Amino acid sequence: MIEILGITDRGNEWNLKTKEYTIKDTPKYADLNRRGAIILDGELYSTYARLLIKRIS
């Protein structure tokens, strides 16, 4: 069984976003604020919307 925790989304309706990016972080800060963001090889990248799930059994 799984539990759906939320979704990474532009509106952050699930209150899962932990950081608001600014121009100081990267020139593409608006893209990073629309979806989830990851750091890969020291660079910030925007990801596609993802369901966040947790296995409960």
Protein backbone atom coordinates (compact mmCIF):
# COMPACT_ATOMS: atom_id res chain seq x y z
CA MET A 1 0.00 0.00 0.00
CA ILE A 2 1.07 3.58 -0.60
CA GLU A 3 0.13 6.98 0.74
CA ILE A 4 0.09 9.98 -1.61
CA LEU A 5 1.85 12.81 0.19
CA GLY A 6 1.35 15.46 -2.48
CA ILE A 7 2.63 16.74 -5.79
CA THR A 8 5.33 19.19 -6.74
CA ASP A 9 3.41 21.95 -8.45
CA ARG A 10 3.51 25.59 -9.43
CA GLY A 11 0.98 26.74 -6.85
CA ASN A 12 2.51 24.73 -3.99
CA GLU A 13 -1.00 23.77 -2.85
CA TRP A 14 0.46 20.98 -0.75
CA ASN A 15 2.91 23.33 1.04
CA LEU A 16 5.87 21.12 0.13
CA LYS A 17 8.15 23.83 -1.21
CA THR A 18 10.96 24.67 1.19
CA LYS A 19 12.72 27.43 -0.77
CA GLU A 20 11.77 30.31 -3.06
CA TYR A 21 14.56 30.87 -5.60
CA THR A 22 15.66 34.38 -6.60
CA ILE A 23 17.85 35.93 -9.28
CA LYS A 24 20.74 35.59 -6.81
CA ASP A 25 20.42 31.79 -7.03
CA THR A 26 20.19 31.47 -10.82
CA PRO A 27 19.01 33.43 -13.87
CA LYS A 28 16.28 30.78 -14.36
CA TYR A 29 14.81 31.23 -10.89
CA ALA A 30 11.19 31.50 -12.15
CA ASP A 31 11.44 28.01 -13.70
CA LEU A 32 12.71 26.59 -10.42
CA ASN A 33 9.79 28.09 -8.50
CA ARG A 34 7.23 26.39 -10.78
CA ARG A 35 8.20 22.82 -9.95
CA GLY A 36 10.53 20.77 -7.84
CA ALA A 37 14.22 21.60 -8.20
CA ILE A 38 17.33 19.47 -7.86
CA ILE A 39 21.06 20.16 -7.76
CA LEU A 40 23.04 18.08 -10.24
CA ASP A 41 26.79 18.60 -10.61
CA GLY A 42 26.48 21.91 -8.77
CA GLU A 43 23.77 23.28 -11.11
CA LEU A 44 20.10 23.85 -10.25
CA TYR A 45 17.55 22.18 -12.54
CA SER A 46 13.76 22.28 -12.64
CA THR A 47 12.04 18.88 -12.73
CA TYR A 48 8.69 17.76 -14.08
CA ALA A 49 5.77 17.64 -11.66
CA ARG A 50 5.98 14.52 -9.55
CA LEU A 51 3.69 12.67 -7.22
CA LEU A 52 5.29 12.20 -3.82
CA ILE A 53 4.42 8.81 -2.37
CA LYS A 54 5.35 6.78 0.68
CA ARG A 55 5.09 3.04 1.12
CA ILE A 56 3.06 2.25 4.23
CA SER A 57 3.11 -1.55 4.21
